[in-house]
Amino acid sequence: MQFKEGYHTYYIYIITNKAKTVLYTGVTNNLKIRLQQHQDNIEFNNPTFASRYQVHYLLYYEKFTWIQEAIVREKEIKGWRREKKLDLIKIINPDLNFLNDLFQ
């Protein structure tokens, strides 16, 4: 992996639907705006998994300085089974509370 100079903030995040039956993992450089986009279902004539299943409730996030690290972590988590993702979420969010208010 090759790193470029720069200092930014990137997030990987796991969101769910209201019933907590679906998990979606993504990466962004602005979690506040990305959560709002999921909430507003901004998908422009191309429905995505997140918009189709009304997935916009934040359960988990990690913060990174380098986009390369965030992308590697996102891909790692996306490859996991649901149970392993839930175990990760419960480390910081044992009650599976919605964390959207942290980014309002």
PDB file of N, CA and C in Angstrom:
ATOM      1  N   MET A   1       0.839  -1.170   0.000  1.00  0.00           N
ATOM      2  CA  MET A   1       0.000   0.000   0.000  1.00  0.00           C
ATOM      3  C   MET A   1       0.888   1.238   0.000  1.00  0.00           C
ATOM      4  N   GLN A   2       0.582   2.194  -0.848  1.00  0.00           N
ATOM      5  CA  GLN A   2       1.378   3.408  -0.940  1.00  0.00           C
ATOM      6  C   GLN A   2       0.576   4.572  -0.382  1.00  0.00           C
ATOM      7  N   PHE A   3       1.188   5.361   0.514  1.00  0.00           N
ATOM      8  CA  PHE A   3       0.502   6.494   1.123  1.00  0.00           C
ATOM      9  C   PHE A   3       0.948   7.791   0.472  1.00  0.00           C
ATOM     10  N   LYS A   4      -0.010   8.681   0.281  1.00  0.00           N
ATOM     11  CA  LYS A   4       0.308  10.009  -0.233  1.00  0.00           C
ATOM     12  C   LYS A   4       0.260  10.980   0.926  1.00  0.00           C
ATOM     13  N   GLU A   5       0.995  12.072   0.817  1.00  0.00           N
ATOM     14  CA  GLU A   5       0.991  13.064   1.878  1.00  0.00           C
ATOM     15  C   GLU A   5      -0.360  13.726   1.961  1.00  0.00           C
ATOM     16  N   GLY A   6      -0.691  14.154   3.169  1.00  0.00           N
ATOM     17  CA  GLY A   6      -1.958  14.851   3.363  1.00  0.00           C
ATOM     18  C   GLY A   6      -2.559  14.471   4.697  1.00  0.00           C
ATOM     19  N   TYR A   7      -3.441  15.299   5.180  1.00  0.00           N
ATOM     20  CA  TYR A   7      -4.096  15.044   6.447  1.00  0.00           C
ATOM     21  C   TYR A   7      -5.582  15.315   6.273  1.00  0.00           C
ATOM     22  N   HIS A   8      -6.349  14.258   6.372  1.00  0.00           N
ATOM     23  CA  HIS A   8      -7.785  14.360   6.214  1.00  0.00           C
ATOM     24  C   HIS A   8      -8.444  13.416   7.199  1.00  0.00           C
ATOM     25  N   THR A   9      -9.757  13.432   7.229  1.00  0.00           N
ATOM     26  CA  THR A   9     -10.505  12.511   8.064  1.00  0.00           C
ATOM     27  C   THR A   9     -11.426  11.696   7.177  1.00  0.00           C
ATOM     28  N   TYR A  10     -11.367  10.393   7.344  1.00  0.00           N
ATOM     29  CA  TYR A  10     -12.219   9.460   6.616  1.00  0.00           C
ATOM     30  C   TYR A  10     -12.873   8.528   7.625  1.00  0.00           C
ATOM     31  N   TYR A  11     -14.025   8.053   7.283  1.00  0.00           N
ATOM     32  CA  TYR A  11     -14.763   7.164   8.169  1.00  0.00           C
ATOM     33  C   TYR A  11     -15.200   5.916   7.419  1.00  0.00           C
ATOM     34  N   ILE A  12     -15.148   4.788   8.099  1.00  0.00           N
ATOM     35  CA  ILE A  12     -15.928   3.639   7.650  1.00  0.00           C
ATOM     36  C   ILE A  12     -17.112   3.617   8.604  1.00  0.00           C
ATOM     37  N   TYR A  13     -18.245   3.142   8.103  1.00  0.00           N
ATOM     38  CA  TYR A  13     -19.434   3.168   8.944  1.00  0.00           C
ATOM     39  C   TYR A  13     -20.309   1.967   8.632  1.00  0.00           C
ATOM     40  N   ILE A  14     -21.092   1.593   9.618  1.00  0.00           N
ATOM     41  CA  ILE A  14     -22.090   0.541   9.441  1.00  0.00           C
ATOM     42  C   ILE A  14     -23.439   1.143   9.806  1.00  0.00           C
ATOM     43  N   ILE A  15     -24.371   1.058   8.869  1.00  0.00           N
ATOM     44  CA  ILE A  15     -25.718   1.561   9.097  1.00  0.00           C
ATOM     45  C   ILE A  15     -26.717   0.427   8.920  1.00  0.00           C
ATOM     46  N   THR A  16     -27.913   0.658   9.412  1.00  0.00           N
ATOM     47  CA  THR A  16     -28.944  -0.364   9.376  1.00  0.00           C
ATOM     48  C   THR A  16     -30.293   0.281   9.094  1.00  0.00           C
ATOM     49  N   ASN A  17     -31.311  -0.564   8.959  1.00  0.00           N
ATOM     50  CA  ASN A  17     -32.674  -0.059   8.822  1.00  0.00           C
ATOM     51  C   ASN A  17     -33.305   0.013  10.215  1.00  0.00           C
ATOM     52  N   LYS A  18     -34.521   0.516  10.282  1.00  0.00           N
ATOM     53  CA  LYS A  18     -35.176   0.718  11.575  1.00  0.00           C
ATOM     54  C   LYS A  18     -35.322  -0.587  12.358  1.00  0.00           C
ATOM     55  N   ALA A  19     -35.598  -1.681  11.674  1.00  0.00           N
ATOM     56  CA  ALA A  19     -35.785  -2.982  12.325  1.00  0.00           C
ATOM     57  C   ALA A  19     -34.456  -3.691  12.618  1.00  0.00           C
ATOM     58  N   LYS A  20     -33.359  -3.119  12.175  1.00  0.00           N
ATOM     59  CA  LYS A  20     -32.015  -3.674  12.376  1.00  0.00           C
ATOM     60  C   LYS A  20     -31.850  -5.046  11.718  1.00  0.00           C
ATOM     61  N   THR A  21     -32.491  -5.237  10.595  1.00  0.00           N
ATOM     62  CA  THR A  21     -32.408  -6.518   9.889  1.00  0.00           C
ATOM     63  C   THR A  21     -31.374  -6.513   8.772  1.00  0.00           C
ATOM     64  N   VAL A  22     -30.873  -5.336   8.417  1.00  0.00           N
ATOM     65  CA  VAL A  22     -29.933  -5.192   7.306  1.00  0.00           C
ATOM     66  C   VAL A  22     -28.731  -4.387   7.788  1.00  0.00           C
ATOM     67  N   LEU A  23     -27.527  -4.776   7.368  1.00  0.00           N
ATOM     68  CA  LEU A  23     -26.317  -4.018   7.677  1.00  0.00           C
ATOM     69  C   LEU A  23     -25.654  -3.585   6.381  1.00  0.00           C
ATOM     70  N   TYR A  24     -25.233  -2.325   6.337  1.00  0.00           N
ATOM     71  CA  TYR A  24     -24.554  -1.770   5.166  1.00  0.00           C
ATOM     72  C   TYR A  24     -23.261  -1.127   5.650  1.00  0.00           C
ATOM     73  N   THR A  25     -22.166  -1.425   4.994  1.00  0.00           N
ATOM     74  CA  THR A  25     -20.865  -0.848   5.341  1.00  0.00           C
ATOM     75  C   THR A  25     -20.417   0.075   4.227  1.00  0.00           C
ATOM     76  N   GLY A  26     -19.952   1.273   4.600  1.00  0.00           N
ATOM     77  CA  GLY A  26     -19.500   2.242   3.611  1.00  0.00           C
ATOM     78  C   GLY A  26     -18.295   3.017   4.102  1.00  0.00           C
ATOM     79  N   VAL A  27     -17.788   3.887   3.229  1.00  0.00           N
ATOM     80  CA  VAL A  27     -16.659   4.758   3.556  1.00  0.00           C
ATOM     81  C   VAL A  27     -16.978   6.151   3.037  1.00  0.00           C
ATOM     82  N   THR A  28     -16.545   7.173   3.778  1.00  0.00           N
ATOM     83  CA  THR A  28     -16.823   8.555   3.385  1.00  0.00           C
ATOM     84  C   THR A  28     -15.794   9.484   4.016  1.00  0.00           C
ATOM     85  N   ASN A  29     -15.696  10.689   3.474  1.00  0.00           N
ATOM     86  CA  ASN A  29     -14.835  11.698   4.093  1.00  0.00           C
ATOM     87  C   ASN A  29     -15.654  12.686   4.922  1.00  0.00           C
ATOM     88  N   ASN A  30     -16.989  12.562   4.891  1.00  0.00           N
ATOM     89  CA  ASN A  30     -17.846  13.430   5.693  1.00  0.00           C
ATOM     90  C   ASN A  30     -19.054  12.623   6.146  1.00  0.00           C
ATOM     91  N   LEU A  31     -18.972  12.094   7.348  1.00  0.00           N
ATOM     92  CA  LEU A  31     -20.025  11.199   7.822  1.00  0.00           C
ATOM     93  C   LEU A  31     -21.345  11.924   8.026  1.00  0.00           C
ATOM     94  N   LYS A  32     -21.299  13.152   8.455  1.00  0.00           N
ATOM     95  CA  LYS A  32     -22.534  13.923   8.644  1.00  0.00           C
ATOM     96  C   LYS A  32     -23.303  14.045   7.326  1.00  0.00           C
ATOM     97  N   ILE A  33     -22.624  14.457   6.281  1.00  0.00           N
ATOM     98  CA  ILE A  33     -23.280  14.622   4.972  1.00  0.00           C
ATOM     99  C   ILE A  33     -23.716  13.273   4.425  1.00  0.00           C
ATOM    100  N   ARG A  34     -22.882  12.247   4.561  1.00  0.00           N
ATOM    101  CA  ARG A  34     -23.237  10.936   4.008  1.00  0.00           C
ATOM    102  C   ARG A  34     -24.465  10.349   4.708  1.00  0.00           C
ATOM    103  N   LEU A  35     -24.558  10.513   6.015  1.00  0.00           N
ATOM    104  CA  LEU A  35     -25.744  10.042   6.729  1.00  0.00           C
ATOM    105  C   LEU A  35     -26.991  10.777   6.252  1.00  0.00           C
ATOM    106  N   GLN A  36     -26.851  12.063   6.008  1.00  0.00           N
ATOM    107  CA  GLN A  36     -27.992  12.842   5.496  1.00  0.00           C
ATOM    108  C   GLN A  36     -28.387  12.362   4.105  1.00  0.00           C
ATOM    109  N   GLN A  37     -27.403  12.046   3.274  1.00  0.00           N
ATOM    110  CA  GLN A  37     -27.705  11.524   1.943  1.00  0.00           C
ATOM    111  C   GLN A  37     -28.449  10.192   2.035  1.00  0.00           C
ATOM    112  N   HIS A  38     -28.021   9.331   2.936  1.00  0.00           N
ATOM    113  CA  HIS A  38     -28.745   8.071   3.123  1.00  0.00           C
ATOM    114  C   HIS A  38     -30.169   8.354   3.602  1.00  0.00           C
ATOM    115  N   GLN A  39     -30.313   9.289   4.519  1.00  0.00           N
ATOM    116  CA  GLN A  39     -31.632   9.652   5.050  1.00  0.00           C
ATOM    117  C   GLN A  39     -32.533  10.180   3.945  1.00  0.00           C
ATOM    118  N   ASP A  40     -31.978  11.005   3.088  1.00  0.00           N
ATOM    119  CA  ASP A  40     -32.750  11.620   2.008  1.00  0.00           C
ATOM    120  C   ASP A  40     -32.893  10.717   0.795  1.00  0.00           C
ATOM    121  N   ASN A  41     -32.218   9.574   0.819  1.00  0.00           N
ATOM    122  CA  ASN A  41     -32.234   8.635  -0.302  1.00  0.00           C
ATOM    123  C   ASN A  41     -31.810   9.297  -1.604  1.00  0.00           C
ATOM    124  N   ILE A  42     -30.729  10.037  -1.558  1.00  0.00           N
ATOM    125  CA  ILE A  42     -30.205  10.680  -2.759  1.00  0.00           C
ATOM    126  C   ILE A  42     -29.479   9.625  -3.582  1.00  0.00           C
ATOM    127  N   GLU A  43     -30.149   9.107  -4.573  1.00  0.00           N
ATOM    128  CA  GLU A  43     -29.571   8.046  -5.389  1.00  0.00           C
ATOM    129  C   GLU A  43     -29.771   8.301  -6.881  1.00  0.00           C
ATOM    130  N   PHE A  44     -30.455   9.356  -7.263  1.00  0.00           N
ATOM    131  CA  PHE A  44     -30.566   9.807  -8.649  1.00  0.00           C
ATOM    132  C   PHE A  44     -30.810   8.715  -9.678  1.00  0.00           C
ATOM    133  N   ASN A  45     -32.006   8.204  -9.751  1.00  0.00           N
ATOM    134  CA  ASN A  45     -32.446   7.257 -10.784  1.00  0.00           C
ATOM    135  C   ASN A  45     -31.693   5.926 -10.787  1.00  0.00           C
ATOM    136  N   ASN A  46     -30.932   5.662  -9.758  1.00  0.00           N
ATOM    137  CA  ASN A  46     -30.190   4.409  -9.702  1.00  0.00           C
ATOM    138  C   ASN A  46     -30.289   3.853  -8.282  1.00  0.00           C
ATOM    139  N   PRO A  47     -31.402   3.187  -7.959  1.00  0.00           N
ATOM    140  CA  PRO A  47     -31.586   2.707  -6.586  1.00  0.00           C
ATOM    141  C   PRO A  47     -30.442   1.802  -6.146  1.00  0.00           C
ATOM    142  N   THR A  48     -29.973   2.041  -4.944  1.00  0.00           N
ATOM    143  CA  THR A  48     -28.885   1.240  -4.394  1.00  0.00           C
ATOM    144  C   THR A  48     -29.421   0.367  -3.266  1.00  0.00           C
ATOM    145  N   PHE A  49     -28.569  -0.502  -2.793  1.00  0.00           N
ATOM    146  CA  PHE A  49     -28.918  -1.366  -1.665  1.00  0.00           C
ATOM    147  C   PHE A  49     -29.424  -0.524  -0.491  1.00  0.00           C
ATOM    148  N   ALA A  50     -28.681   0.533  -0.159  1.00  0.00           N
ATOM    149  CA  ALA A  50     -29.031   1.356   0.999  1.00  0.00           C
ATOM    150  C   ALA A  50     -30.380   2.043   0.838  1.00  0.00           C
ATOM    151  N   SER A  51     -30.664   2.558  -0.349  1.00  0.00           N
ATOM    152  CA  SER A  51     -31.951   3.232  -0.542  1.00  0.00           C
ATOM    153  C   SER A  51     -33.099   2.231  -0.630  1.00  0.00           C
ATOM    154  N   ARG A  52     -32.859   1.106  -1.251  1.00  0.00           N
ATOM    155  CA  ARG A  52     -33.896   0.088  -1.413  1.00  0.00           C
ATOM    156  C   ARG A  52     -34.365  -0.454  -0.060  1.00  0.00           C
ATOM    157  N   TYR A  53     -33.449  -0.605   0.886  1.00  0.00           N
ATOM    158  CA  TYR A  53     -33.784  -1.181   2.186  1.00  0.00           C
ATOM    159  C   TYR A  53     -33.916  -0.132   3.292  1.00  0.00           C
ATOM    160  N   GLN A  54     -33.956   1.147   2.923  1.00  0.00           N
ATOM    161  CA  GLN A  54     -34.126   2.234   3.896  1.00  0.00           C
ATOM    162  C   GLN A  54     -33.091   2.155   5.023  1.00  0.00           C
ATOM    163  N   VAL A  55     -31.842   1.996   4.627  1.00  0.00           N
ATOM    164  CA  VAL A  55     -30.742   1.834   5.563  1.00  0.00           C
ATOM    165  C   VAL A  55     -30.099   3.201   5.793  1.00  0.00           C
ATOM    166  N   HIS A  56     -30.339   3.774   6.979  1.00  0.00           N
ATOM    167  CA  HIS A  56     -29.722   5.066   7.274  1.00  0.00           C
ATOM    168  C   HIS A  56     -29.520   5.333   8.762  1.00  0.00           C
ATOM    169  N   TYR A  57     -29.569   4.304   9.577  1.00  0.00           N
ATOM    170  CA  TYR A  57     -29.354   4.456  11.015  1.00  0.00           C
ATOM    171  C   TYR A  57     -27.943   3.978  11.374  1.00  0.00           C
ATOM    172  N   LEU A  58     -27.138   4.890  11.898  1.00  0.00           N
ATOM    173  CA  LEU A  58     -25.738   4.609  12.213  1.00  0.00           C
ATOM    174  C   LEU A  58     -25.611   3.739  13.462  1.00  0.00           C
ATOM    175  N   LEU A  59     -24.885   2.626  13.326  1.00  0.00           N
ATOM    176  CA  LEU A  59     -24.605   1.745  14.458  1.00  0.00           C
ATOM    177  C   LEU A  59     -23.140   1.778  14.870  1.00  0.00           C
ATOM    178  N   TYR A  60     -22.242   2.071  13.913  1.00  0.00           N
ATOM    179  CA  TYR A  60     -20.815   1.920  14.172  1.00  0.00           C
ATOM    180  C   TYR A  60     -20.023   2.774  13.200  1.00  0.00           C
ATOM    181  N   TYR A  61     -18.882   3.284  13.657  1.00  0.00           N
ATOM    182  CA  TYR A  61     -17.966   3.980  12.756  1.00  0.00           C
ATOM    183  C   TYR A  61     -16.552   3.900  13.298  1.00  0.00           C
ATOM    184  N   GLU A  62     -15.598   4.042  12.395  1.00  0.00           N
ATOM    185  CA  GLU A  62     -14.184   4.161  12.727  1.00  0.00           C
ATOM    186  C   GLU A  62     -13.643   5.343  11.946  1.00  0.00           C
ATOM    187  N   LYS A  63     -12.669   6.019  12.522  1.00  0.00           N
ATOM    188  CA  LYS A  63     -12.090   7.224  11.934  1.00  0.00           C
ATOM    189  C   LYS A  63     -10.660   6.934  11.469  1.00  0.00           C
ATOM    190  N   PHE A  64     -10.308   7.457  10.287  1.00  0.00           N
ATOM    191  CA  PHE A  64      -8.987   7.248   9.696  1.00  0.00           C
ATOM    192  C   PHE A  64      -8.433   8.566   9.166  1.00  0.00           C
ATOM    193  N   THR A  65      -7.126   8.649   9.093  1.00  0.00           N
ATOM    194  CA  THR A  65      -6.459   9.801   8.482  1.00  0.00           C
ATOM    195  C   THR A  65      -6.179   9.549   7.005  1.00  0.00           C
ATOM    196  N   TRP A  66      -5.975   8.309   6.643  1.00  0.00           N
ATOM    197  CA  TRP A  66      -5.609   7.956   5.275  1.00  0.00           C
ATOM    198  C   TRP A  66      -6.747   7.208   4.603  1.00  0.00           C
ATOM    199  N   ILE A  67      -7.141   7.642   3.418  1.00  0.00           N
ATOM    200  CA  ILE A  67      -8.221   6.997   2.678  1.00  0.00           C
ATOM    201  C   ILE A  67      -7.875   5.553   2.352  1.00  0.00           C
ATOM    202  N   GLN A  68      -6.604   5.277   2.085  1.00  0.00           N
ATOM    203  CA  GLN A  68      -6.202   3.909   1.750  1.00  0.00           C
ATOM    204  C   GLN A  68      -6.515   2.956   2.894  1.00  0.00           C
ATOM    205  N   GLU A  69      -6.238   3.387   4.122  1.00  0.00           N
ATOM    206  CA  GLU A  69      -6.530   2.550   5.288  1.00  0.00           C
ATOM    207  C   GLU A  69      -8.030   2.351   5.465  1.00  0.00           C
ATOM    208  N   ALA A  70      -8.792   3.414   5.242  1.00  0.00           N
ATOM    209  CA  ALA A  70     -10.251   3.325   5.379  1.00  0.00           C
ATOM    210  C   ALA A  70     -10.829   2.345   4.356  1.00  0.00           C
ATOM    211  N   ILE A  71     -10.351   2.402   3.142  1.00  0.00           N
ATOM    212  CA  ILE A  71     -10.861   1.507   2.092  1.00  0.00           C
ATOM    213  C   ILE A  71     -10.508   0.054   2.403  1.00  0.00           C
ATOM    214  N   VAL A  72      -9.283  -0.186   2.870  1.00  0.00           N
ATOM    215  CA  VAL A  72      -8.886  -1.548   3.237  1.00  0.00           C
ATOM    216  C   VAL A  72      -9.790  -2.066   4.356  1.00  0.00           C
ATOM    217  N   ARG A  73     -10.053  -1.244   5.354  1.00  0.00           N
ATOM    218  CA  ARG A  73     -10.907  -1.655   6.471  1.00  0.00           C
ATOM    219  C   ARG A  73     -12.350  -1.897   6.014  1.00  0.00           C
ATOM    220  N   GLU A  74     -12.863  -1.015   5.155  1.00  0.00           N
ATOM    221  CA  GLU A  74     -14.218  -1.193   4.630  1.00  0.00           C
ATOM    222  C   GLU A  74     -14.339  -2.541   3.910  1.00  0.00           C
ATOM    223  N   LYS A  75     -13.377  -2.848   3.062  1.00  0.00           N
ATOM    224  CA  LYS A  75     -13.414  -4.113   2.326  1.00  0.00           C
ATOM    225  C   LYS A  75     -13.313  -5.302   3.270  1.00  0.00           C
ATOM    226  N   GLU A  76     -12.487  -5.176   4.297  1.00  0.00           N
ATOM    227  CA  GLU A  76     -12.363  -6.247   5.280  1.00  0.00           C
ATOM    228  C   GLU A  76     -13.717  -6.527   5.944  1.00  0.00           C
ATOM    229  N   ILE A  77     -14.354  -5.477   6.438  1.00  0.00           N
ATOM    230  CA  ILE A  77     -15.631  -5.636   7.143  1.00  0.00           C
ATOM    231  C   ILE A  77     -16.722  -6.126   6.197  1.00  0.00           C
ATOM    232  N   LYS A  78     -16.740  -5.634   4.971  1.00  0.00           N
ATOM    233  CA  LYS A  78     -17.752  -6.077   4.004  1.00  0.00           C
ATOM    234  C   LYS A  78     -17.671  -7.584   3.757  1.00  0.00           C
ATOM    235  N   GLY A  79     -16.488  -8.158   3.921  1.00  0.00           N
ATOM    236  CA  GLY A  79     -16.315  -9.580   3.700  1.00  0.00           C
ATOM    237  C   GLY A  79     -16.759 -10.453   4.867  1.00  0.00           C
ATOM    238  N   TRP A  80     -17.090  -9.821   5.971  1.00  0.00           N
ATOM    239  CA  TRP A  80     -17.476 -10.573   7.158  1.00  0.00           C
ATOM    240  C   TRP A  80     -18.928 -11.018   7.106  1.00  0.00           C
ATOM    241  N   ARG A  81     -19.226 -12.073   7.852  1.00  0.00           N
ATOM    242  CA  ARG A  81     -20.603 -12.521   8.048  1.00  0.00           C
ATOM    243  C   ARG A  81     -21.289 -11.575   9.041  1.00  0.00           C
ATOM    244  N   ARG A  82     -22.594 -11.561   9.020  1.00  0.00           N
ATOM    245  CA  ARG A  82     -23.387 -10.667   9.866  1.00  0.00           C
ATOM    246  C   ARG A  82     -22.992 -10.784  11.347  1.00  0.00           C
ATOM    247  N   GLU A  83     -22.833 -12.004  11.841  1.00  0.00           N
ATOM    248  CA  GLU A  83     -22.530 -12.211  13.258  1.00  0.00           C
ATOM    249  C   GLU A  83     -21.232 -11.518  13.662  1.00  0.00           C
ATOM    250  N   LYS A  84     -20.218 -11.599  12.823  1.00  0.00           N
ATOM    251  CA  LYS A  84     -18.931 -10.959  13.129  1.00  0.00           C
ATOM    252  C   LYS A  84     -19.068  -9.437  13.111  1.00  0.00           C
ATOM    253  N   LYS A  85     -19.863  -8.901  12.192  1.00  0.00           N
ATOM    254  CA  LYS A  85     -20.116  -7.457  12.165  1.00  0.00           C
ATOM    255  C   LYS A  85     -20.823  -7.010  13.436  1.00  0.00           C
ATOM    256  N   LEU A  86     -21.809  -7.789  13.869  1.00  0.00           N
ATOM    257  CA  LEU A  86     -22.527  -7.442  15.102  1.00  0.00           C
ATOM    258  C   LEU A  86     -21.601  -7.495  16.310  1.00  0.00           C
ATOM    259  N   ASP A  87     -20.697  -8.449  16.355  1.00  0.00           N
ATOM    260  CA  ASP A  87     -19.718  -8.515  17.446  1.00  0.00           C
ATOM    261  C   ASP A  87     -18.851  -7.255  17.468  1.00  0.00           C
ATOM    262  N   LEU A  88     -18.436  -6.790  16.298  1.00  0.00           N
ATOM    263  CA  LEU A  88     -17.646  -5.564  16.203  1.00  0.00           C
ATOM    264  C   LEU A  88     -18.455  -4.370  16.698  1.00  0.00           C
ATOM    265  N   ILE A  89     -19.673  -4.234  16.220  1.00  0.00           N
ATOM    266  CA  ILE A  89     -20.527  -3.115  16.621  1.00  0.00           C
ATOM    267  C   ILE A  89     -20.707  -3.086  18.136  1.00  0.00           C
ATOM    268  N   LYS A  90     -20.927  -4.243  18.721  1.00  0.00           N
ATOM    269  CA  LYS A  90     -21.223  -4.325  20.159  1.00  0.00           C
ATOM    270  C   LYS A  90     -20.036  -3.957  21.038  1.00  0.00           C
ATOM    271  N   ILE A  91     -18.841  -3.901  20.473  1.00  0.00           N
ATOM    272  CA  ILE A  91     -17.675  -3.456  21.244  1.00  0.00           C
ATOM    273  C   ILE A  91     -17.873  -2.015  21.711  1.00  0.00           C
ATOM    274  N   ILE A  92     -18.373  -1.153  20.827  1.00  0.00           N
ATOM    275  CA  ILE A  92     -18.578   0.251  21.201  1.00  0.00           C
ATOM    276  C   ILE A  92     -20.048   0.612  21.391  1.00  0.00           C
ATOM    277  N   ASN A  93     -20.932  -0.254  20.939  1.00  0.00           N
ATOM    278  CA  ASN A  93     -22.358   0.045  20.965  1.00  0.00           C
ATOM    279  C   ASN A  93     -23.134  -1.226  21.350  1.00  0.00           C
ATOM    280  N   PRO A  94     -22.985  -1.679  22.611  1.00  0.00           N
ATOM    281  CA  PRO A  94     -23.545  -2.975  23.010  1.00  0.00           C
ATOM    282  C   PRO A  94     -25.065  -3.074  22.897  1.00  0.00           C
ATOM    283  N   ASP A  95     -25.769  -1.952  22.984  1.00  0.00           N
ATOM    284  CA  ASP A  95     -27.230  -1.973  22.894  1.00  0.00           C
ATOM    285  C   ASP A  95     -27.743  -1.706  21.483  1.00  0.00           C
ATOM    286  N   LEU A  96     -26.824  -1.594  20.521  1.00  0.00           N
ATOM    287  CA  LEU A  96     -27.174  -1.301  19.123  1.00  0.00           C
ATOM    288  C   LEU A  96     -28.041  -0.054  19.003  1.00  0.00           C
ATOM    289  N   ASN A  97     -27.663   0.976  19.749  1.00  0.00           N
ATOM    290  CA  ASN A  97     -28.361   2.266  19.665  1.00  0.00           C
ATOM    291  C   ASN A  97     -28.013   2.952  18.347  1.00  0.00           C
ATOM    292  N   PHE A  98     -28.924   3.758  17.851  1.00  0.00           N
ATOM    293  CA  PHE A  98     -28.649   4.562  16.660  1.00  0.00           C
ATOM    294  C   PHE A  98     -27.785   5.749  17.088  1.00  0.00           C
ATOM    295  N   LEU A  99     -26.687   5.970  16.359  1.00  0.00           N
ATOM    296  CA  LEU A  99     -25.691   6.982  16.736  1.00  0.00           C
ATOM    297  C   LEU A  99     -25.748   8.224  15.846  1.00  0.00           C
ATOM    298  N   ASN A 100     -26.765   8.370  15.049  1.00  0.00           N
ATOM    299  CA  ASN A 100     -26.848   9.487  14.113  1.00  0.00           C
ATOM    300  C   ASN A 100     -26.719  10.849  14.799  1.00  0.00           C
ATOM    301  N   ASP A 101     -27.217  10.965  16.026  1.00  0.00           N
ATOM    302  CA  ASP A 101     -27.171  12.242  16.726  1.00  0.00           C
ATOM    303  C   ASP A 101     -25.752  12.736  16.979  1.00  0.00           C
ATOM    304  N   LEU A 102     -24.782  11.850  16.938  1.00  0.00           N
ATOM    305  CA  LEU A 102     -23.383  12.258  17.125  1.00  0.00           C
ATOM    306  C   LEU A 102     -22.879  13.081  15.945  1.00  0.00           C
ATOM    307  N   PHE A 103     -23.589  13.036  14.815  1.00  0.00           N
ATOM    308  CA  PHE A 103     -23.137  13.710  13.601  1.00  0.00           C
ATOM    309  C   PHE A 103     -24.196  14.674  13.063  1.00  0.00           C
ATOM    310  N   GLN A 104     -24.963  15.279  13.937  1.00  0.00           N
ATOM    311  CA  GLN A 104     -25.993  16.234  13.507  1.00  0.00           C
ATOM    312  C   GLN A 104     -25.443  17.637  13.455  1.00  0.00           C
TER     313      GLN A 104
END
